Amino acid sequence: MTAARKGRRAAGAVTTVLAAVLFAVPVSVAVLGPLLAPWAEESGPGAPYALDGRHPLGTDGLGRDVLALLLRGGPSALGSAVGAVAVAYLIGGALGLAAAVSRHRWLDELLMRPVEVILPIPSLLVISVVGVGRQGQALAITAAVALVNVPAAARLVRAAALRAASSPVAEAMRLQGESWPRIQLGYVGGSVLPVVAADVGTRVTTAVFTVAAANFLGLGLQPTSPDWGVTIAASREALLVQPWSVCAPAAMLVMFTVGLNLLADRFLTYGEPRARRRKEVTA
């Protein structure tokens, strides 16, 4: 093994560990935080934007412990975004795959054209409309973010599946009498997974900041919610007075998005075809 290859492996290992740590910290806070929040709240309320020994990260404008808010705000901040992307790919992915494997142009048009009507609509406009009538409901924001991501997910899956569906491998499997699910779901669907994995990292990142932006603008949860986006919005004017009230939840969002994208990149690296790896070794 050459020194250059050893260096690339070491750098890859460091990147993977760093990505795992960045991703695991906010996820752990979101999952375990609500269980630990009562312990953090034992100190009771304090003065607005106070920095004292009773509250490790100080208090917010209402005198609430910032650490307790941080522990409680993860499920809504991350859960809404991840749930929205999952729903978008369940709906959009199914439509895109069905359109790609269809041998009838009219069916392709029937599946894709209604979805593409939503594509040019700004995401915050959709969220604004939903937020007016359903303010304070995390499920409504999740549905709105999922709706604006369905067209992009459908177009991506369709574009990735078209080539595999019309490839010689798929045609050979048809001639050999392979079943439709094995060809379309096994081979064609499997060929789409690397592309979807690459897109999920970016799309979840966008969804996280879209949900945070909706809460920041007052279109999502109530202003007293412990959600990380709401906390940032409520304390932004006191950034220089009590920086932890803004920096702590912002750090959780940044760590999650950066870690997720790095992990997606590493997943794609490990999933490269063997032929490409052999080519890199011999280069």
Foldseek 3Di string as FASTA:
>chain_A
DDPVVVVVVVVLVVLLVLLCVLQVVLVCLLVCLVVCLVVQCPLPFDAALDPDPSAPQGAHRVRGRLSSLSSHARCLLQVLLVLLQVLLCVQLVVLLLVLQLDPDVVSVCVSQVVLCVLAVPDLVVQLQVQLVVDAADSVSLSPSLSSNSNNVSNVLNNVQLNPLSPDVVLVVCVVVPHDPCCSSCVRSVVSSVLVVLLVVLVSSLVSSVVSLVCLLVRSYRDLPRSHLSSQLNRHVVCCVSRVSSNVVSVSSSVSNSVSSNSNSVSVSVVVDDPVVVVVVVVD
